[in-house]
């Protein structure tokens, strides 16, 4: 799973041809760590339809503030450069897939 930064967010996320699921995460956030294997599995299974990336909120404040992210983990789906869906909090893969079904 790729990590994105303030510097490459526009190219990697906003410029992506696929929808992109961004996890706003932090090292100090236990639920974020729980989501790691879930997101890796999602990236492996849905990689042809969905790009999955992580953004560390502590080292990338510009992007974090631009999308008003306050809680970790926050998931934002971007399509054609626009945020189309936002979800807060850890969740099991099945629920995450259900919530993503309308954007995939």
C-alpha atoms as a PDB file:
ATOM      1  CA  UNK A   1       0.000   0.000   0.000  1.00  0.00           C
ATOM      2  CA  UNK A   2       1.410   3.362  -1.014  1.00  0.00           C
ATOM      3  CA  UNK A   3       1.889   6.372   1.176  1.00  0.00           C
ATOM      4  CA  UNK A   4       1.179   9.849  -0.151  1.00  0.00           C
ATOM      5  CA  UNK A   5       2.405  13.218   1.100  1.00  0.00           C
ATOM      6  CA  UNK A   6       1.436  16.869   0.809  1.00  0.00           C
ATOM      7  CA  UNK A   7       3.926  17.071  -2.075  1.00  0.00           C
ATOM      8  CA  UNK A   8       2.540  14.244  -4.236  1.00  0.00           C
ATOM      9  CA  UNK A   9      -1.121  14.209  -3.108  1.00  0.00           C
ATOM     10  CA  UNK A  10      -2.303  16.110  -6.172  1.00  0.00           C
ATOM     11  CA  UNK A  11      -0.525  13.821  -8.621  1.00  0.00           C
ATOM     12  CA  UNK A  12      -1.195  10.522  -6.836  1.00  0.00           C
ATOM     13  CA  UNK A  13      -4.757  11.118  -5.631  1.00  0.00           C
ATOM     14  CA  UNK A  14      -6.409  14.028  -7.411  1.00  0.00           C
ATOM     15  CA  UNK A  15      -4.869  13.062 -10.751  1.00  0.00           C
ATOM     16  CA  UNK A  16      -5.609   9.342 -10.503  1.00  0.00           C
ATOM     17  CA  UNK A  17      -7.716   7.700 -13.188  1.00  0.00           C
ATOM     18  CA  UNK A  18      -9.060   5.220 -10.626  1.00  0.00           C
ATOM     19  CA  UNK A  19     -11.075   6.177  -7.555  1.00  0.00           C
ATOM     20  CA  UNK A  20      -8.701   6.546  -4.598  1.00  0.00           C
ATOM     21  CA  UNK A  21      -9.352   5.567  -0.993  1.00  0.00           C
ATOM     22  CA  UNK A  22      -7.148   7.686   1.265  1.00  0.00           C
ATOM     23  CA  UNK A  23      -6.661   6.674   4.875  1.00  0.00           C
ATOM     24  CA  UNK A  24      -5.680   9.662   7.006  1.00  0.00           C
ATOM     25  CA  UNK A  25      -3.607   7.889   9.639  1.00  0.00           C
ATOM     26  CA  UNK A  26      -1.095   8.397  12.442  1.00  0.00           C
ATOM     27  CA  UNK A  27       1.548   6.223  14.100  1.00  0.00           C
ATOM     28  CA  UNK A  28       0.050   6.862  17.548  1.00  0.00           C
ATOM     29  CA  UNK A  29      -3.434   5.659  16.522  1.00  0.00           C
ATOM     30  CA  UNK A  30      -4.176   1.990  17.442  1.00  0.00           C
ATOM     31  CA  UNK A  31      -7.347   1.748  15.271  1.00  0.00           C
ATOM     32  CA  UNK A  32      -5.274   3.002  12.330  1.00  0.00           C
ATOM     33  CA  UNK A  33      -2.808   0.162  12.849  1.00  0.00           C
ATOM     34  CA  UNK A  34      -5.712  -2.297  12.964  1.00  0.00           C
ATOM     35  CA  UNK A  35      -6.791  -1.066   9.540  1.00  0.00           C
ATOM     36  CA  UNK A  36      -3.397  -1.810   7.944  1.00  0.00           C
ATOM     37  CA  UNK A  37      -4.086  -5.467   7.063  1.00  0.00           C
ATOM     38  CA  UNK A  38      -7.658  -4.638   6.009  1.00  0.00           C
ATOM     39  CA  UNK A  39      -6.470  -1.951   3.608  1.00  0.00           C
ATOM     40  CA  UNK A  40      -3.653  -4.135   2.268  1.00  0.00           C
ATOM     41  CA  UNK A  41      -6.172  -6.890   1.503  1.00  0.00           C
ATOM     42  CA  UNK A  42      -8.546  -4.380  -0.074  1.00  0.00           C
ATOM     43  CA  UNK A  43      -5.738  -2.990  -2.244  1.00  0.00           C
ATOM     44  CA  UNK A  44      -4.796  -6.503  -3.366  1.00  0.00           C
ATOM     45  CA  UNK A  45      -8.374  -7.528  -4.183  1.00  0.00           C
ATOM     46  CA  UNK A  46      -9.679  -4.295  -5.709  1.00  0.00           C
ATOM     47  CA  UNK A  47      -6.471  -2.887  -7.190  1.00  0.00           C
ATOM     48  CA  UNK A  48      -7.878  -2.833 -10.708  1.00  0.00           C
ATOM     49  CA  UNK A  49     -10.859  -0.730  -9.575  1.00  0.00           C
ATOM     50  CA  UNK A  50      -9.561   1.223  -6.586  1.00  0.00           C
ATOM     51  CA  UNK A  51      -6.276   2.755  -5.519  1.00  0.00           C
ATOM     52  CA  UNK A  52      -5.626   2.584  -1.753  1.00  0.00           C
ATOM     53  CA  UNK A  53      -3.152   4.969  -0.118  1.00  0.00           C
ATOM     54  CA  UNK A  54      -2.266   6.264   3.346  1.00  0.00           C
ATOM     55  CA  UNK A  55      -1.437   9.797   4.427  1.00  0.00           C
ATOM     56  CA  UNK A  56       0.288  10.454   7.757  1.00  0.00           C
ATOM     57  CA  UNK A  57      -1.513  13.401   9.357  1.00  0.00           C
ATOM     58  CA  UNK A  58       1.458  14.410  11.515  1.00  0.00           C
ATOM     59  CA  UNK A  59       3.880  14.840   8.625  1.00  0.00           C
ATOM     60  CA  UNK A  60       1.343  16.165   6.080  1.00  0.00           C
ATOM     61  CA  UNK A  61      -0.628  18.954   7.782  1.00  0.00           C
ATOM     62  CA  UNK A  62      -1.542  20.833   4.590  1.00  0.00           C
ATOM     63  CA  UNK A  63      -3.606  18.027   3.077  1.00  0.00           C
ATOM     64  CA  UNK A  64      -5.030  17.057   6.484  1.00  0.00           C
ATOM     65  CA  UNK A  65      -6.225  20.612   7.100  1.00  0.00           C
ATOM     66  CA  UNK A  66      -7.461  21.099   3.539  1.00  0.00           C
ATOM     67  CA  UNK A  67      -9.949  18.243   4.016  1.00  0.00           C
ATOM     68  CA  UNK A  68     -10.724  19.171   7.648  1.00  0.00           C
ATOM     69  CA  UNK A  69      -9.674  15.779   8.992  1.00  0.00           C
ATOM     70  CA  UNK A  70      -9.972  15.744  12.790  1.00  0.00           C
ATOM     71  CA  UNK A  71     -10.277  12.067  13.782  1.00  0.00           C
ATOM     72  CA  UNK A  72      -8.111   9.078  12.952  1.00  0.00           C
ATOM     73  CA  UNK A  73      -8.584   7.036  10.982  1.00  0.00           C
ATOM     74  CA  UNK A  74     -10.600   9.005   8.458  1.00  0.00           C
ATOM     75  CA  UNK A  75     -11.180   7.488   5.038  1.00  0.00           C
ATOM     76  CA  UNK A  76     -11.932   9.725   2.080  1.00  0.00           C
ATOM     77  CA  UNK A  77     -12.734   8.447  -1.393  1.00  0.00           C
ATOM     78  CA  UNK A  78     -11.674  10.714  -4.238  1.00  0.00           C
ATOM     79  CA  UNK A  79     -13.003  10.365  -7.752  1.00  0.00           C
ATOM     80  CA  UNK A  80     -11.887  12.636 -10.608  1.00  0.00           C
ATOM     81  CA  UNK A  81     -10.093  14.859  -8.115  1.00  0.00           C
ATOM     82  CA  UNK A  82     -13.096  15.390  -5.852  1.00  0.00           C
ATOM     83  CA  UNK A  83     -13.868  13.895  -2.429  1.00  0.00           C
ATOM     84  CA  UNK A  84     -17.052  11.876  -2.925  1.00  0.00           C
ATOM     85  CA  UNK A  85     -17.307   9.955   0.356  1.00  0.00           C
ATOM     86  CA  UNK A  86     -15.923  10.237   3.876  1.00  0.00           C
ATOM     87  CA  UNK A  87     -15.956   7.696   6.709  1.00  0.00           C
ATOM     88  CA  UNK A  88     -14.494   7.964  10.214  1.00  0.00           C
ATOM     89  CA  UNK A  89     -13.258   5.108  12.388  1.00  0.00           C
ATOM     90  CA  UNK A  90     -11.939   1.595  11.974  1.00  0.00           C
ATOM     91  CA  UNK A  91     -14.266  -0.993  10.456  1.00  0.00           C
ATOM     92  CA  UNK A  92     -14.090  -4.602   9.259  1.00  0.00           C
ATOM     93  CA  UNK A  93     -13.287  -5.238   5.607  1.00  0.00           C
ATOM     94  CA  UNK A  94     -16.773  -6.477   4.749  1.00  0.00           C
ATOM     95  CA  UNK A  95     -18.350  -3.275   6.055  1.00  0.00           C
ATOM     96  CA  UNK A  96     -15.739  -1.149   4.309  1.00  0.00           C
ATOM     97  CA  UNK A  97     -16.484  -2.906   1.014  1.00  0.00           C
ATOM     98  CA  UNK A  98     -20.232  -2.371   1.514  1.00  0.00           C
ATOM     99  CA  UNK A  99     -19.641   1.326   2.144  1.00  0.00           C
ATOM    100  CA  UNK A 100     -17.465   1.564  -0.958  1.00  0.00           C
ATOM    101  CA  UNK A 101     -19.889  -0.298  -3.232  1.00  0.00           C
ATOM    102  CA  UNK A 102     -21.455   2.904  -4.553  1.00  0.00           C
ATOM    103  CA  UNK A 103     -18.128   4.408  -5.574  1.00  0.00           C
ATOM    104  CA  UNK A 104     -16.449   1.367  -7.106  1.00  0.00           C
END
